Amino acid sequence: MHKEIRVIWRFKQKFQRWELVINEKRFLGYDKNQYGDLVINQKEVKVVKRIFQDYLSGIGSFTIAKELEKEGIPTVVGGKWNGTTILKILKNEKYK
């Protein structure tokens, strides 16, 4: 079975079991516990809250990213913050 077909099959199986499908390794502010349930990552959730608070107070996504970079706050995968990353977090319905 090709890799893509196996991935699609696994997703279908999870949906049929009503399991949440989230890659927590790329989802800032959450981890999965031993049962597969999402749990809040206390350190990362502070960054998520800050992003939303800054944006709601009128700070643009590029400026937020620049400040996080300047302060040495890592992204969820250890990469560089940029305005697009901030906008993806702000638009992600899972944070609502």
PDB file of N, CA and C in Angstrom:
ATOM      1  N   MET A   1       0.846  -1.177   0.000  1.00  0.00           N
ATOM      2  CA  MET A   1       0.000   0.000   0.000  1.00  0.00           C
ATOM      3  C   MET A   1       0.895   1.245   0.000  1.00  0.00           C
ATOM      4  N   HIS A   2       0.612   2.181  -0.863  1.00  0.00           N
ATOM      5  CA  HIS A   2       1.387   3.413  -0.931  1.00  0.00           C
ATOM      6  C   HIS A   2       1.192   4.232   0.341  1.00  0.00           C
ATOM      7  N   LYS A   3       2.180   5.022   0.653  1.00  0.00           N
ATOM      8  CA  LYS A   3       2.148   5.836   1.868  1.00  0.00           C
ATOM      9  C   LYS A   3       0.917   6.736   1.912  1.00  0.00           C
ATOM     10  N   GLU A   4       0.603   7.411   0.805  1.00  0.00           N
ATOM     11  CA  GLU A   4      -0.538   8.328   0.776  1.00  0.00           C
ATOM     12  C   GLU A   4      -1.846   7.594   1.057  1.00  0.00           C
ATOM     13  N   ILE A   5      -1.993   6.413   0.511  1.00  0.00           N
ATOM     14  CA  ILE A   5      -3.212   5.627   0.714  1.00  0.00           C
ATOM     15  C   ILE A   5      -3.319   5.208   2.177  1.00  0.00           C
ATOM     16  N   ARG A   6      -2.190   4.827   2.782  1.00  0.00           N
ATOM     17  CA  ARG A   6      -2.194   4.432   4.196  1.00  0.00           C
ATOM     18  C   ARG A   6      -2.583   5.609   5.084  1.00  0.00           C
ATOM     19  N   VAL A   7      -2.085   6.798   4.757  1.00  0.00           N
ATOM     20  CA  VAL A   7      -2.401   7.985   5.545  1.00  0.00           C
ATOM     21  C   VAL A   7      -3.895   8.289   5.439  1.00  0.00           C
ATOM     22  N   ILE A   8      -4.432   8.259   4.237  1.00  0.00           N
ATOM     23  CA  ILE A   8      -5.857   8.514   4.036  1.00  0.00           C
ATOM     24  C   ILE A   8      -6.685   7.474   4.783  1.00  0.00           C
ATOM     25  N   TRP A   9      -6.288   6.223   4.712  1.00  0.00           N
ATOM     26  CA  TRP A   9      -7.013   5.144   5.390  1.00  0.00           C
ATOM     27  C   TRP A   9      -7.014   5.374   6.899  1.00  0.00           C
ATOM     28  N   ARG A  10      -5.845   5.772   7.462  1.00  0.00           N
ATOM     29  CA  ARG A  10      -5.758   6.038   8.905  1.00  0.00           C
ATOM     30  C   ARG A  10      -6.669   7.190   9.308  1.00  0.00           C
ATOM     31  N   PHE A  11      -6.705   8.256   8.500  1.00  0.00           N
ATOM     32  CA  PHE A  11      -7.589   9.383   8.802  1.00  0.00           C
ATOM     33  C   PHE A  11      -9.046   8.958   8.770  1.00  0.00           C
ATOM     34  N   LYS A  12      -9.425   8.162   7.780  1.00  0.00           N
ATOM     35  CA  LYS A  12     -10.807   7.693   7.696  1.00  0.00           C
ATOM     36  C   LYS A  12     -11.181   6.877   8.929  1.00  0.00           C
ATOM     37  N   GLN A  13     -10.265   6.012   9.355  1.00  0.00           N
ATOM     38  CA  GLN A  13     -10.513   5.193  10.538  1.00  0.00           C
ATOM     39  C   GLN A  13     -10.690   6.066  11.780  1.00  0.00           C
ATOM     40  N   LYS A  14      -9.855   7.061  11.931  1.00  0.00           N
ATOM     41  CA  LYS A  14      -9.964   7.962  13.091  1.00  0.00           C
ATOM     42  C   LYS A  14     -11.283   8.733  13.057  1.00  0.00           C
ATOM     43  N   PHE A  15     -11.682   9.228  11.902  1.00  0.00           N
ATOM     44  CA  PHE A  15     -12.943   9.955  11.791  1.00  0.00           C
ATOM     45  C   PHE A  15     -14.126   9.050  12.123  1.00  0.00           C
ATOM     46  N   GLN A  16     -14.069   7.809  11.687  1.00  0.00           N
ATOM     47  CA  GLN A  16     -15.151   6.879  11.978  1.00  0.00           C
ATOM     48  C   GLN A  16     -15.262   6.599  13.472  1.00  0.00           C
ATOM     49  N   ARG A  17     -14.137   6.670  14.184  1.00  0.00           N
ATOM     50  CA  ARG A  17     -14.143   6.463  15.637  1.00  0.00           C
ATOM     51  C   ARG A  17     -14.323   7.773  16.400  1.00  0.00           C
ATOM     52  N   TRP A  18     -14.576   8.872  15.676  1.00  0.00           N
ATOM     53  CA  TRP A  18     -14.750  10.208  16.244  1.00  0.00           C
ATOM     54  C   TRP A  18     -13.514  10.657  17.020  1.00  0.00           C
ATOM     55  N   GLU A  19     -12.341  10.259  16.564  1.00  0.00           N
ATOM     56  CA  GLU A  19     -11.092  10.660  17.206  1.00  0.00           C
ATOM     57  C   GLU A  19     -10.625  11.983  16.627  1.00  0.00           C
ATOM     58  N   LEU A  20     -10.051  12.788  17.479  1.00  0.00           N
ATOM     59  CA  LEU A  20      -9.513  14.076  17.068  1.00  0.00           C
ATOM     60  C   LEU A  20      -8.231  13.856  16.278  1.00  0.00           C
ATOM     61  N   VAL A  21      -8.110  14.528  15.148  1.00  0.00           N
ATOM     62  CA  VAL A  21      -6.925  14.394  14.308  1.00  0.00           C
ATOM     63  C   VAL A  21      -6.181  15.726  14.311  1.00  0.00           C
ATOM     64  N   ILE A  22      -5.194  15.824  15.191  1.00  0.00           N
ATOM     65  CA  ILE A  22      -4.388  17.042  15.303  1.00  0.00           C
ATOM     66  C   ILE A  22      -2.941  16.623  15.504  1.00  0.00           C
ATOM     67  N   ASN A  23      -2.071  17.251  14.755  1.00  0.00           N
ATOM     68  CA  ASN A  23      -0.642  17.009  14.935  1.00  0.00           C
ATOM     69  C   ASN A  23      -0.162  17.944  16.034  1.00  0.00           C
ATOM     70  N   GLU A  24      -0.147  17.452  17.266  1.00  0.00           N
ATOM     71  CA  GLU A  24       0.193  18.300  18.400  1.00  0.00           C
ATOM     72  C   GLU A  24       1.643  18.772  18.373  1.00  0.00           C
ATOM     73  N   LYS A  25       2.472  18.121  17.577  1.00  0.00           N
ATOM     74  CA  LYS A  25       3.866  18.553  17.464  1.00  0.00           C
ATOM     75  C   LYS A  25       3.980  19.861  16.682  1.00  0.00           C
ATOM     76  N   ARG A  26       2.920  20.221  15.964  1.00  0.00           N
ATOM     77  CA  ARG A  26       2.901  21.474  15.203  1.00  0.00           C
ATOM     78  C   ARG A  26       1.724  22.352  15.637  1.00  0.00           C
ATOM     79  N   PHE A  27       1.225  22.114  16.839  1.00  0.00           N
ATOM     80  CA  PHE A  27       0.061  22.823  17.353  1.00  0.00           C
ATOM     81  C   PHE A  27       0.452  23.503  18.657  1.00  0.00           C
ATOM     82  N   LEU A  28       0.831  24.769  18.568  1.00  0.00           N
ATOM     83  CA  LEU A  28       1.352  25.529  19.694  1.00  0.00           C
ATOM     84  C   LEU A  28       0.328  25.634  20.815  1.00  0.00           C
ATOM     85  N   GLY A  29       0.753  25.281  22.030  1.00  0.00           N
ATOM     86  CA  GLY A  29      -0.097  25.435  23.201  1.00  0.00           C
ATOM     87  C   GLY A  29      -0.741  24.154  23.695  1.00  0.00           C
ATOM     88  N   TYR A  30      -0.579  23.062  22.953  1.00  0.00           N
ATOM     89  CA  TYR A  30      -1.195  21.800  23.341  1.00  0.00           C
ATOM     90  C   TYR A  30      -0.242  20.628  23.138  1.00  0.00           C
ATOM     91  N   ASP A  31      -0.423  19.613  23.954  1.00  0.00           N
ATOM     92  CA  ASP A  31       0.255  18.333  23.816  1.00  0.00           C
ATOM     93  C   ASP A  31      -0.821  17.261  23.897  1.00  0.00           C
ATOM     94  N   LYS A  32      -0.443  16.025  23.648  1.00  0.00           N
ATOM     95  CA  LYS A  32      -1.362  14.909  23.868  1.00  0.00           C
ATOM     96  C   LYS A  32      -0.871  14.124  25.072  1.00  0.00           C
ATOM     97  N   ASN A  33      -1.810  13.678  25.909  1.00  0.00           N
ATOM     98  CA  ASN A  33      -1.426  12.844  27.048  1.00  0.00           C
ATOM     99  C   ASN A  33      -1.366  11.382  26.619  1.00  0.00           C
ATOM    100  N   GLN A  34      -1.148  10.501  27.575  1.00  0.00           N
ATOM    101  CA  GLN A  34      -0.984   9.076  27.255  1.00  0.00           C
ATOM    102  C   GLN A  34      -2.246   8.448  26.669  1.00  0.00           C
ATOM    103  N   TYR A  35      -3.400   9.098  26.811  1.00  0.00           N
ATOM    104  CA  TYR A  35      -4.654   8.586  26.265  1.00  0.00           C
ATOM    105  C   TYR A  35      -4.996   9.191  24.906  1.00  0.00           C
ATOM    106  N   GLY A  36      -4.137  10.093  24.443  1.00  0.00           N
ATOM    107  CA  GLY A  36      -4.375  10.739  23.165  1.00  0.00           C
ATOM    108  C   GLY A  36      -5.240  11.983  23.250  1.00  0.00           C
ATOM    109  N   ASP A  37      -5.567  12.416  24.474  1.00  0.00           N
ATOM    110  CA  ASP A  37      -6.370  13.623  24.670  1.00  0.00           C
ATOM    111  C   ASP A  37      -5.476  14.853  24.645  1.00  0.00           C
ATOM    112  N   LEU A  38      -6.011  15.956  24.110  1.00  0.00           N
ATOM    113  CA  LEU A  38      -5.260  17.206  24.109  1.00  0.00           C
ATOM    114  C   LEU A  38      -5.219  17.778  25.519  1.00  0.00           C
ATOM    115  N   VAL A  39      -4.041  18.204  25.923  1.00  0.00           N
ATOM    116  CA  VAL A  39      -3.862  18.880  27.205  1.00  0.00           C
ATOM    117  C   VAL A  39      -3.080  20.159  26.960  1.00  0.00           C
ATOM    118  N   ILE A  40      -3.359  21.155  27.764  1.00  0.00           N
ATOM    119  CA  ILE A  40      -2.703  22.453  27.590  1.00  0.00           C
ATOM    120  C   ILE A  40      -1.247  22.365  28.027  1.00  0.00           C
ATOM    121  N   ASN A  41      -0.377  22.892  27.171  1.00  0.00           N
ATOM    122  CA  ASN A  41       1.040  23.036  27.484  1.00  0.00           C
ATOM    123  C   ASN A  41       1.170  24.424  28.114  1.00  0.00           C
ATOM    124  N   GLN A  42       1.390  24.462  29.426  1.00  0.00           N
ATOM    125  CA  GLN A  42       1.354  25.717  30.173  1.00  0.00           C
ATOM    126  C   GLN A  42       2.365  26.749  29.677  1.00  0.00           C
ATOM    127  N   LYS A  43       3.515  26.302  29.222  1.00  0.00           N
ATOM    128  CA  LYS A  43       4.536  27.227  28.736  1.00  0.00           C
ATOM    129  C   LYS A  43       4.131  27.822  27.384  1.00  0.00           C
ATOM    130  N   GLU A  44       3.685  26.972  26.482  1.00  0.00           N
ATOM    131  CA  GLU A  44       3.336  27.431  25.137  1.00  0.00           C
ATOM    132  C   GLU A  44       2.044  28.241  25.100  1.00  0.00           C
ATOM    133  N   VAL A  45       1.098  27.932  25.996  1.00  0.00           N
ATOM    134  CA  VAL A  45      -0.186  28.630  25.965  1.00  0.00           C
ATOM    135  C   VAL A  45       0.000  30.118  26.277  1.00  0.00           C
ATOM    136  N   LYS A  46       1.025  30.445  27.037  1.00  0.00           N
ATOM    137  CA  LYS A  46       1.306  31.856  27.316  1.00  0.00           C
ATOM    138  C   LYS A  46       1.653  32.606  26.031  1.00  0.00           C
ATOM    139  N   VAL A  47       2.366  31.933  25.133  1.00  0.00           N
ATOM    140  CA  VAL A  47       2.735  32.550  23.855  1.00  0.00           C
ATOM    141  C   VAL A  47       1.490  32.736  22.996  1.00  0.00           C
ATOM    142  N   VAL A  48       0.622  31.733  22.970  1.00  0.00           N
ATOM    143  CA  VAL A  48      -0.611  31.824  22.186  1.00  0.00           C
ATOM    144  C   VAL A  48      -1.481  32.970  22.696  1.00  0.00           C
ATOM    145  N   LYS A  49      -1.649  33.047  24.006  1.00  0.00           N
ATOM    146  CA  LYS A  49      -2.457  34.122  24.583  1.00  0.00           C
ATOM    147  C   LYS A  49      -1.857  35.485  24.258  1.00  0.00           C
ATOM    148  N   ARG A  50      -0.557  35.578  24.337  1.00  0.00           N
ATOM    149  CA  ARG A  50       0.115  36.845  24.032  1.00  0.00           C
ATOM    150  C   ARG A  50      -0.133  37.252  22.579  1.00  0.00           C
ATOM    151  N   ILE A  51      -0.034  36.292  21.665  1.00  0.00           N
ATOM    152  CA  ILE A  51      -0.259  36.584  20.250  1.00  0.00           C
ATOM    153  C   ILE A  51      -1.659  37.169  20.049  1.00  0.00           C
ATOM    154  N   PHE A  52      -2.668  36.537  20.644  1.00  0.00           N
ATOM    155  CA  PHE A  52      -4.036  37.024  20.497  1.00  0.00           C
ATOM    156  C   PHE A  52      -4.222  38.377  21.176  1.00  0.00           C
ATOM    157  N   GLN A  53      -3.674  38.540  22.372  1.00  0.00           N
ATOM    158  CA  GLN A  53      -3.809  39.819  23.083  1.00  0.00           C
ATOM    159  C   GLN A  53      -3.131  40.952  22.315  1.00  0.00           C
ATOM    160  N   ASP A  54      -1.918  40.696  21.825  1.00  0.00           N
ATOM    161  CA  ASP A  54      -1.206  41.724  21.061  1.00  0.00           C
ATOM    162  C   ASP A  54      -1.983  42.107  19.807  1.00  0.00           C
ATOM    163  N   TYR A  55      -2.484  41.096  19.099  1.00  0.00           N
ATOM    164  CA  TYR A  55      -3.213  41.361  17.859  1.00  0.00           C
ATOM    165  C   TYR A  55      -4.484  42.165  18.132  1.00  0.00           C
ATOM    166  N   LEU A  56      -5.204  41.777  19.193  1.00  0.00           N
ATOM    167  CA  LEU A  56      -6.445  42.482  19.531  1.00  0.00           C
ATOM    168  C   LEU A  56      -6.187  43.911  20.005  1.00  0.00           C
ATOM    169  N   SER A  57      -4.974  44.157  20.495  1.00  0.00           N
ATOM    170  CA  SER A  57      -4.646  45.522  20.930  1.00  0.00           C
ATOM    171  C   SER A  57      -4.104  46.366  19.775  1.00  0.00           C
ATOM    172  N   GLY A  58      -4.105  45.806  18.567  1.00  0.00           N
ATOM    173  CA  GLY A  58      -3.750  46.582  17.396  1.00  0.00           C
ATOM    174  C   GLY A  58      -2.349  46.356  16.846  1.00  0.00           C
ATOM    175  N   ILE A  59      -1.607  45.424  17.415  1.00  0.00           N
ATOM    176  CA  ILE A  59      -0.259  45.134  16.927  1.00  0.00           C
ATOM    177  C   ILE A  59      -0.376  44.178  15.742  1.00  0.00           C
ATOM    178  N   GLY A  60       0.313  44.475  14.658  1.00  0.00           N
ATOM    179  CA  GLY A  60       0.250  43.649  13.456  1.00  0.00           C
ATOM    180  C   GLY A  60       1.027  42.341  13.588  1.00  0.00           C
ATOM    181  N   SER A  61       0.708  41.401  12.733  1.00  0.00           N
ATOM    182  CA  SER A  61       1.324  40.068  12.794  1.00  0.00           C
ATOM    183  C   SER A  61       2.834  40.122  12.582  1.00  0.00           C
ATOM    184  N   PHE A  62       3.289  40.984  11.677  1.00  0.00           N
ATOM    185  CA  PHE A  62       4.728  41.106  11.424  1.00  0.00           C
ATOM    186  C   PHE A  62       5.450  41.613  12.670  1.00  0.00           C
ATOM    187  N   THR A  63       4.874  42.598  13.346  1.00  0.00           N
ATOM    188  CA  THR A  63       5.482  43.158  14.555  1.00  0.00           C
ATOM    189  C   THR A  63       5.488  42.140  15.696  1.00  0.00           C
ATOM    190  N   ILE A  64       4.401  41.387  15.830  1.00  0.00           N
ATOM    191  CA  ILE A  64       4.344  40.343  16.858  1.00  0.00           C
ATOM    192  C   ILE A  64       5.456  39.333  16.620  1.00  0.00           C
ATOM    193  N   ALA A  65       5.600  38.891  15.369  1.00  0.00           N
ATOM    194  CA  ALA A  65       6.643  37.914  15.028  1.00  0.00           C
ATOM    195  C   ALA A  65       8.030  38.476  15.334  1.00  0.00           C
ATOM    196  N   LYS A  66       8.240  39.730  14.996  1.00  0.00           N
ATOM    197  CA  LYS A  66       9.530  40.374  15.222  1.00  0.00           C
ATOM    198  C   LYS A  66       9.865  40.430  16.717  1.00  0.00           C
ATOM    199  N   GLU A  67       8.875  40.735  17.540  1.00  0.00           N
ATOM    200  CA  GLU A  67       9.076  40.801  18.987  1.00  0.00           C
ATOM    201  C   GLU A  67       9.375  39.421  19.573  1.00  0.00           C
ATOM    202  N   LEU A  68       8.639  38.398  19.126  1.00  0.00           N
ATOM    203  CA  LEU A  68       8.876  37.037  19.615  1.00  0.00           C
ATOM    204  C   LEU A  68      10.289  36.577  19.246  1.00  0.00           C
ATOM    205  N   GLU A  69      10.715  36.902  18.028  1.00  0.00           N
ATOM    206  CA  GLU A  69      12.079  36.574  17.585  1.00  0.00           C
ATOM    207  C   GLU A  69      13.110  37.297  18.445  1.00  0.00           C
ATOM    208  N   LYS A  70      12.882  38.587  18.663  1.00  0.00           N
ATOM    209  CA  LYS A  70      13.811  39.404  19.439  1.00  0.00           C
ATOM    210  C   LYS A  70      13.976  38.871  20.863  1.00  0.00           C
ATOM    211  N   GLU A  71      12.887  38.351  21.421  1.00  0.00           N
ATOM    212  CA  GLU A  71      12.911  37.820  22.785  1.00  0.00           C
ATOM    213  C   GLU A  71      13.402  36.374  22.850  1.00  0.00           C
ATOM    214  N   GLY A  72      13.668  35.767  21.697  1.00  0.00           N
ATOM    215  CA  GLY A  72      14.183  34.400  21.664  1.00  0.00           C
ATOM    216  C   GLY A  72      13.157  33.340  22.003  1.00  0.00           C
ATOM    217  N   ILE A  73      11.890  33.652  21.803  1.00  0.00           N
ATOM    218  CA  ILE A  73      10.823  32.685  22.067  1.00  0.00           C
ATOM    219  C   ILE A  73      10.719  31.753  20.867  1.00  0.00           C
ATOM    220  N   PRO A  74      10.865  30.442  21.091  1.00  0.00           N
ATOM    221  CA  PRO A  74      10.865  29.507  19.957  1.00  0.00           C
ATOM    222  C   PRO A  74       9.463  29.241  19.404  1.00  0.00           C
ATOM    223  N   THR A  75       9.406  28.926  18.122  1.00  0.00           N
ATOM    224  CA  THR A  75       8.153  28.446  17.536  1.00  0.00           C
ATOM    225  C   THR A  75       7.959  27.010  17.996  1.00  0.00           C
ATOM    226  N   VAL A  76       6.825  26.442  17.662  1.00  0.00           N
ATOM    227  CA  VAL A  76       6.527  25.077  18.091  1.00  0.00           C
ATOM    228  C   VAL A  76       7.520  24.062  17.507  1.00  0.00           C
ATOM    229  N   VAL A  77       8.083  24.364  16.337  1.00  0.00           N
ATOM    230  CA  VAL A  77       9.049  23.456  15.722  1.00  0.00           C
ATOM    231  C   VAL A  77      10.476  24.003  15.792  1.00  0.00           C
ATOM    232  N   GLY A  78      10.650  25.099  16.533  1.00  0.00           N
ATOM    233  CA  GLY A  78      11.986  25.658  16.696  1.00  0.00           C
ATOM    234  C   GLY A  78      12.450  26.531  15.543  1.00  0.00           C
ATOM    235  N   GLY A  79      11.537  26.891  14.669  1.00  0.00           N
ATOM    236  CA  GLY A  79      11.893  27.723  13.524  1.00  0.00           C
ATOM    237  C   GLY A  79      11.829  29.199  13.846  1.00  0.00           C
ATOM    238  N   LYS A  80      11.817  30.000  12.808  1.00  0.00           N
ATOM    239  CA  LYS A  80      11.791  31.453  12.940  1.00  0.00           C
ATOM    240  C   LYS A  80      10.355  31.961  12.844  1.00  0.00           C
ATOM    241  N   TRP A  81      10.010  32.901  13.719  1.00  0.00           N
ATOM    242  CA  TRP A  81       8.695  33.521  13.667  1.00  0.00           C
ATOM    243  C   TRP A  81       8.603  34.447  12.464  1.00  0.00           C
ATOM    244  N   ASN A  82       7.439  34.443  11.817  1.00  0.00           N
ATOM    245  CA  ASN A  82       7.178  35.417  10.763  1.00  0.00           C
ATOM    246  C   ASN A  82       5.691  35.759  10.786  1.00  0.00           C
ATOM    247  N   GLY A  83       5.338  36.801  10.075  1.00  0.00           N
ATOM    248  CA  GLY A  83       3.956  37.267  10.075  1.00  0.00           C
ATOM    249  C   GLY A  83       2.960  36.214   9.623  1.00  0.00           C
ATOM    250  N   THR A  84       3.360  35.391   8.672  1.00  0.00           N
ATOM    251  CA  THR A  84       2.481  34.328   8.172  1.00  0.00           C
ATOM    252  C   THR A  84       2.186  33.304   9.259  1.00  0.00           C
ATOM    253  N   THR A  85       3.194  32.956  10.031  1.00  0.00           N
ATOM    254  CA  THR A  85       3.004  32.003  11.131  1.00  0.00           C
ATOM    255  C   THR A  85       2.007  32.562  12.142  1.00  0.00           C
ATOM    256  N   ILE A  86       2.145  33.830  12.464  1.00  0.00           N
ATOM    257  CA  ILE A  86       1.238  34.474  13.413  1.00  0.00           C
ATOM    258  C   ILE A  86      -0.191  34.465  12.857  1.00  0.00           C
ATOM    259  N   LEU A  87      -0.344  34.803  11.586  1.00  0.00           N
ATOM    260  CA  LEU A  87      -1.685  34.811  10.978  1.00  0.00           C
ATOM    261  C   LEU A  87      -2.309  33.420  10.964  1.00  0.00           C
ATOM    262  N   LYS A  88      -1.505  32.387  10.741  1.00  0.00           N
ATOM    263  CA  LYS A  88      -2.038  31.017  10.765  1.00  0.00           C
ATOM    264  C   LYS A  88      -2.573  30.672  12.145  1.00  0.00           C
ATOM    265  N   ILE A  89      -1.876  31.104  13.175  1.00  0.00           N
ATOM    266  CA  ILE A  89      -2.347  30.861  14.548  1.00  0.00           C
ATOM    267  C   ILE A  89      -3.648  31.630  14.779  1.00  0.00           C
ATOM    268  N   LEU A  90      -3.684  32.872  14.378  1.00  0.00           N
ATOM    269  CA  LEU A  90      -4.866  33.708  14.588  1.00  0.00           C
ATOM    270  C   LEU A  90      -6.094  33.191  13.832  1.00  0.00           C
ATOM    271  N   LYS A  91      -5.870  32.572  12.677  1.00  0.00           N
ATOM    272  CA  LYS A  91      -6.975  32.081  11.857  1.00  0.00           C
ATOM    273  C   LYS A  91      -7.368  30.630  12.166  1.00  0.00           C
ATOM    274  N   ASN A  92      -6.580  29.958  12.984  1.00  0.00           N
ATOM    275  CA  ASN A  92      -6.836  28.546  13.286  1.00  0.00           C
ATOM    276  C   ASN A  92      -8.060  28.406  14.185  1.00  0.00           C
ATOM    277  N   GLU A  93      -9.109  27.790  13.669  1.00  0.00           N
ATOM    278  CA  GLU A  93     -10.364  27.650  14.409  1.00  0.00           C
ATOM    279  C   GLU A  93     -10.214  26.811  15.684  1.00  0.00           C
ATOM    280  N   LYS A  94      -9.161  26.030  15.786  1.00  0.00           N
ATOM    281  CA  LYS A  94      -8.980  25.192  16.978  1.00  0.00           C
ATOM    282  C   LYS A  94      -8.650  26.018  18.218  1.00  0.00           C
ATOM    283  N   TYR A  95      -8.218  27.249  18.030  1.00  0.00           N
ATOM    284  CA  TYR A  95      -7.932  28.119  19.164  1.00  0.00           C
ATOM    285  C   TYR A  95      -9.167  28.862  19.661  1.00  0.00           C
ATOM    286  N   LYS A  96     -10.261  28.781  18.922  1.00  0.00           N
ATOM    287  CA  LYS A  96     -11.474  29.537  19.297  1.00  0.00           C
ATOM    288  C   LYS A  96     -12.248  28.809  20.363  1.00  0.00           C
TER     289      LYS A  96
END
